[in-house]
Amino acid sequence: MSVTAVSSTVICRYDVLLPERGAAALLGDAQIALFRTHDGQVFAIGNQDPFSGANVMSRGIVGSRGDVPTVASPMFKQVFDLRTGVCLDDPETSLPVYPVRIVDGQVVVGTGEH
C-alpha cells in the first residue's frame, strides 16, 4: 500500500467569491479559476481555455445544463462541466479540475488534479 501526500493551499475567504462569478488565482505555478455557484458550491478548474490558449476561464459565463453546473468560455463559448472539467460541446477536450474544501470560512484548493 502506498500513501500519497496531498498538498493544499488556502486561496481566499469563501465570502469574497461572488455567486455565479469567477475569480482567477495562482496555485503554485498553475492559474486556476474559482467559481461559487448559486447554491454555494465552489469549484476550481484550470484557467486556460484549451481552444484559444488564453487564461480566461475565470471570466466565463456560469450556468447549467440540466443539473450540471457549467462555465462557458468567454472566447469561443464552449461549455465545460465544473465538476469534471469535460467540455460538453467536445467531450475529447477537458480542463484540469482541483479538489476544493471550505475550512473555517476559507477556500482550500488541493494542488493535485482529480
C-alpha atoms as a PDB file:
ATOM      1  CA  MET A   1       0.000   0.000   0.000  1.00  0.00           C
ATOM      2  CA  SER A   2       1.372   3.397  -0.913  1.00  0.00           C
ATOM      3  CA  VAL A   3       0.421   6.698   0.683  1.00  0.00           C
ATOM      4  CA  THR A   4       0.339   9.853  -1.394  1.00  0.00           C
ATOM      5  CA  ALA A   5       0.801  13.193   0.335  1.00  0.00           C
ATOM      6  CA  VAL A   6      -1.885  15.655  -0.646  1.00  0.00           C
ATOM      7  CA  SER A   7      -0.952  19.289  -0.562  1.00  0.00           C
ATOM      8  CA  SER A   8      -3.471  22.092  -0.358  1.00  0.00           C
ATOM      9  CA  THR A   9      -3.432  25.873  -0.360  1.00  0.00           C
ATOM     10  CA  VAL A  10      -5.729  28.463   1.189  1.00  0.00           C
ATOM     11  CA  ILE A  11      -6.784  30.668  -1.733  1.00  0.00           C
ATOM     12  CA  CYS A  12      -9.222  33.201  -0.264  1.00  0.00           C
ATOM     13  CA  ARG A  13     -12.136  33.676   2.101  1.00  0.00           C
ATOM     14  CA  TYR A  14     -15.328  31.992   0.918  1.00  0.00           C
ATOM     15  CA  ASP A  15     -17.355  35.182   1.289  1.00  0.00           C
ATOM     16  CA  VAL A  16     -15.232  37.111  -1.231  1.00  0.00           C
ATOM     17  CA  LEU A  17     -16.300  34.756  -4.023  1.00  0.00           C
ATOM     18  CA  LEU A  18     -19.411  36.233  -5.581  1.00  0.00           C
ATOM     19  CA  PRO A  19     -22.122  33.759  -6.606  1.00  0.00           C
ATOM     20  CA  GLU A  20     -22.119  32.979 -10.340  1.00  0.00           C
ATOM     21  CA  ARG A  21     -18.850  34.883 -10.911  1.00  0.00           C
ATOM     22  CA  GLY A  22     -15.361  33.576 -11.486  1.00  0.00           C
ATOM     23  CA  ALA A  23     -12.084  34.552  -9.863  1.00  0.00           C
ATOM     24  CA  ALA A  24      -8.558  33.760 -11.011  1.00  0.00           C
ATOM     25  CA  ALA A  25      -5.844  32.624  -8.603  1.00  0.00           C
ATOM     26  CA  LEU A  26      -2.402  31.053  -8.606  1.00  0.00           C
ATOM     27  CA  LEU A  27      -1.998  27.561  -7.211  1.00  0.00           C
ATOM     28  CA  GLY A  28       1.745  27.083  -7.246  1.00  0.00           C
ATOM     29  CA  ASP A  29       2.648  27.776 -10.881  1.00  0.00           C
ATOM     30  CA  ALA A  30      -0.838  26.937 -12.194  1.00  0.00           C
ATOM     31  CA  GLN A  31      -3.517  29.513 -12.951  1.00  0.00           C
ATOM     32  CA  ILE A  32      -6.882  28.320 -11.697  1.00  0.00           C
ATOM     33  CA  ALA A  33     -10.399  29.661 -11.994  1.00  0.00           C
ATOM     34  CA  LEU A  34     -12.678  29.505  -8.941  1.00  0.00           C
ATOM     35  CA  PHE A  35     -16.461  29.572  -9.166  1.00  0.00           C
ATOM     36  CA  ARG A  36     -19.091  29.820  -6.456  1.00  0.00           C
ATOM     37  CA  THR A  37     -22.437  28.670  -7.792  1.00  0.00           C
ATOM     38  CA  HIS A  38     -25.834  29.990  -6.689  1.00  0.00           C
ATOM     39  CA  ASP A  39     -26.269  27.012  -4.342  1.00  0.00           C
ATOM     40  CA  GLY A  40     -22.995  27.787  -2.522  1.00  0.00           C
ATOM     41  CA  GLN A  41     -20.757  25.120  -4.035  1.00  0.00           C
ATOM     42  CA  VAL A  42     -17.208  26.098  -5.032  1.00  0.00           C
ATOM     43  CA  PHE A  43     -15.358  24.624  -7.997  1.00  0.00           C
ATOM     44  CA  ALA A  44     -11.755  25.031  -9.178  1.00  0.00           C
ATOM     45  CA  ILE A  45     -10.694  24.384 -12.770  1.00  0.00           C
ATOM     46  CA  GLY A  46      -7.727  25.318 -14.938  1.00  0.00           C
ATOM     47  CA  ASN A  47      -7.909  28.923 -16.092  1.00  0.00           C
ATOM     48  CA  GLN A  48      -6.503  28.257 -19.579  1.00  0.00           C
ATOM     49  CA  ASP A  49      -9.103  27.851 -22.320  1.00  0.00           C
ATOM     50  CA  PRO A  50      -7.943  24.762 -24.248  1.00  0.00           C
ATOM     51  CA  PHE A  51      -9.372  26.074 -27.523  1.00  0.00           C
ATOM     52  CA  SER A  52      -7.795  29.547 -27.560  1.00  0.00           C
ATOM     53  CA  GLY A  53      -4.865  29.055 -25.171  1.00  0.00           C
ATOM     54  CA  ALA A  54      -5.845  32.237 -23.304  1.00  0.00           C
ATOM     55  CA  ASN A  55      -6.077  32.290 -19.497  1.00  0.00           C
ATOM     56  CA  VAL A  56      -9.692  33.479 -19.417  1.00  0.00           C
ATOM     57  CA  MET A  57     -11.903  30.752 -17.949  1.00  0.00           C
ATOM     58  CA  SER A  58     -12.391  32.788 -14.756  1.00  0.00           C
ATOM     59  CA  ARG A  59     -14.233  35.329 -16.931  1.00  0.00           C
ATOM     60  CA  GLY A  60     -16.576  32.673 -18.296  1.00  0.00           C
ATOM     61  CA  ILE A  61     -20.344  32.636 -18.051  1.00  0.00           C
ATOM     62  CA  VAL A  62     -21.577  30.424 -15.205  1.00  0.00           C
ATOM     63  CA  GLY A  63     -24.743  28.440 -15.835  1.00  0.00           C
ATOM     64  CA  SER A  64     -26.056  24.907 -16.012  1.00  0.00           C
ATOM     65  CA  ARG A  65     -27.223  22.240 -18.411  1.00  0.00           C
ATOM     66  CA  GLY A  66     -29.877  20.337 -16.559  1.00  0.00           C
ATOM     67  CA  ASP A  67     -28.336  19.535 -13.172  1.00  0.00           C
ATOM     68  CA  VAL A  68     -24.763  20.059 -14.430  1.00  0.00           C
ATOM     69  CA  PRO A  69     -23.053  23.257 -13.205  1.00  0.00           C
ATOM     70  CA  THR A  70     -21.173  24.783 -16.135  1.00  0.00           C
ATOM     71  CA  VAL A  71     -18.974  27.598 -17.332  1.00  0.00           C
ATOM     72  CA  ALA A  72     -18.868  28.816 -20.931  1.00  0.00           C
ATOM     73  CA  SER A  73     -15.557  30.063 -22.257  1.00  0.00           C
ATOM     74  CA  PRO A  74     -15.647  33.799 -22.960  1.00  0.00           C
ATOM     75  CA  MET A  75     -13.587  33.211 -26.121  1.00  0.00           C
ATOM     76  CA  PHE A  76     -15.448  30.718 -28.316  1.00  0.00           C
ATOM     77  CA  LYS A  77     -18.312  29.814 -25.930  1.00  0.00           C
ATOM     78  CA  GLN A  78     -17.569  26.104 -25.433  1.00  0.00           C
ATOM     79  CA  VAL A  79     -19.283  24.894 -22.252  1.00  0.00           C
ATOM     80  CA  PHE A  80     -17.437  22.917 -19.556  1.00  0.00           C
ATOM     81  CA  ASP A  81     -18.767  20.830 -16.657  1.00  0.00           C
ATOM     82  CA  LEU A  82     -17.453  22.486 -13.475  1.00  0.00           C
ATOM     83  CA  ARG A  83     -17.437  19.125 -11.652  1.00  0.00           C
ATOM     84  CA  THR A  84     -15.364  17.153 -14.163  1.00  0.00           C
ATOM     85  CA  GLY A  85     -13.786  19.748 -16.474  1.00  0.00           C
ATOM     86  CA  VAL A  86     -15.129  17.919 -19.548  1.00  0.00           C
ATOM     87  CA  CYS A  87     -16.220  20.084 -22.471  1.00  0.00           C
ATOM     88  CA  LEU A  88     -19.884  19.355 -23.100  1.00  0.00           C
ATOM     89  CA  ASP A  89     -19.529  20.524 -26.717  1.00  0.00           C
ATOM     90  CA  ASP A  90     -16.398  18.431 -27.391  1.00  0.00           C
ATOM     91  CA  PRO A  91     -16.032  15.586 -24.830  1.00  0.00           C
ATOM     92  CA  GLU A  92     -12.492  14.816 -26.063  1.00  0.00           C
ATOM     93  CA  THR A  93     -11.362  18.112 -24.502  1.00  0.00           C
ATOM     94  CA  SER A  94     -11.262  18.917 -20.805  1.00  0.00           C
ATOM     95  CA  LEU A  95      -9.876  21.304 -18.223  1.00  0.00           C
ATOM     96  CA  PRO A  96      -7.949  20.244 -15.134  1.00  0.00           C
ATOM     97  CA  VAL A  97     -10.151  20.085 -12.029  1.00  0.00           C
ATOM     98  CA  TYR A  98      -8.853  20.655  -8.492  1.00  0.00           C
ATOM     99  CA  PRO A  99     -10.402  19.471  -5.215  1.00  0.00           C
ATOM    100  CA  VAL A 100     -11.950  22.254  -3.125  1.00  0.00           C
ATOM    101  CA  ARG A 101     -12.880  22.345   0.557  1.00  0.00           C
ATOM    102  CA  ILE A 102     -14.218  25.133   2.742  1.00  0.00           C
ATOM    103  CA  VAL A 103     -12.363  25.168   6.074  1.00  0.00           C
ATOM    104  CA  ASP A 104     -13.202  27.777   8.710  1.00  0.00           C
ATOM    105  CA  GLY A 105     -14.617  30.077   6.047  1.00  0.00           C
ATOM    106  CA  GLN A 106     -11.547  29.729   3.803  1.00  0.00           C
ATOM    107  CA  VAL A 107     -11.431  28.217   0.310  1.00  0.00           C
ATOM    108  CA  VAL A 108      -8.774  25.488   0.300  1.00  0.00           C
ATOM    109  CA  VAL A 109      -7.721  24.000  -3.033  1.00  0.00           C
ATOM    110  CA  GLY A 110      -5.703  20.819  -3.471  1.00  0.00           C
ATOM    111  CA  THR A 111      -2.608  21.022  -5.632  1.00  0.00           C
ATOM    112  CA  GLY A 112      -3.233  17.703  -7.359  1.00  0.00           C
ATOM    113  CA  GLU A 113      -5.777  17.402 -10.163  1.00  0.00           C
ATOM    114  CA  HIS A 114      -8.522  14.847  -9.744  1.00  0.00           C
END
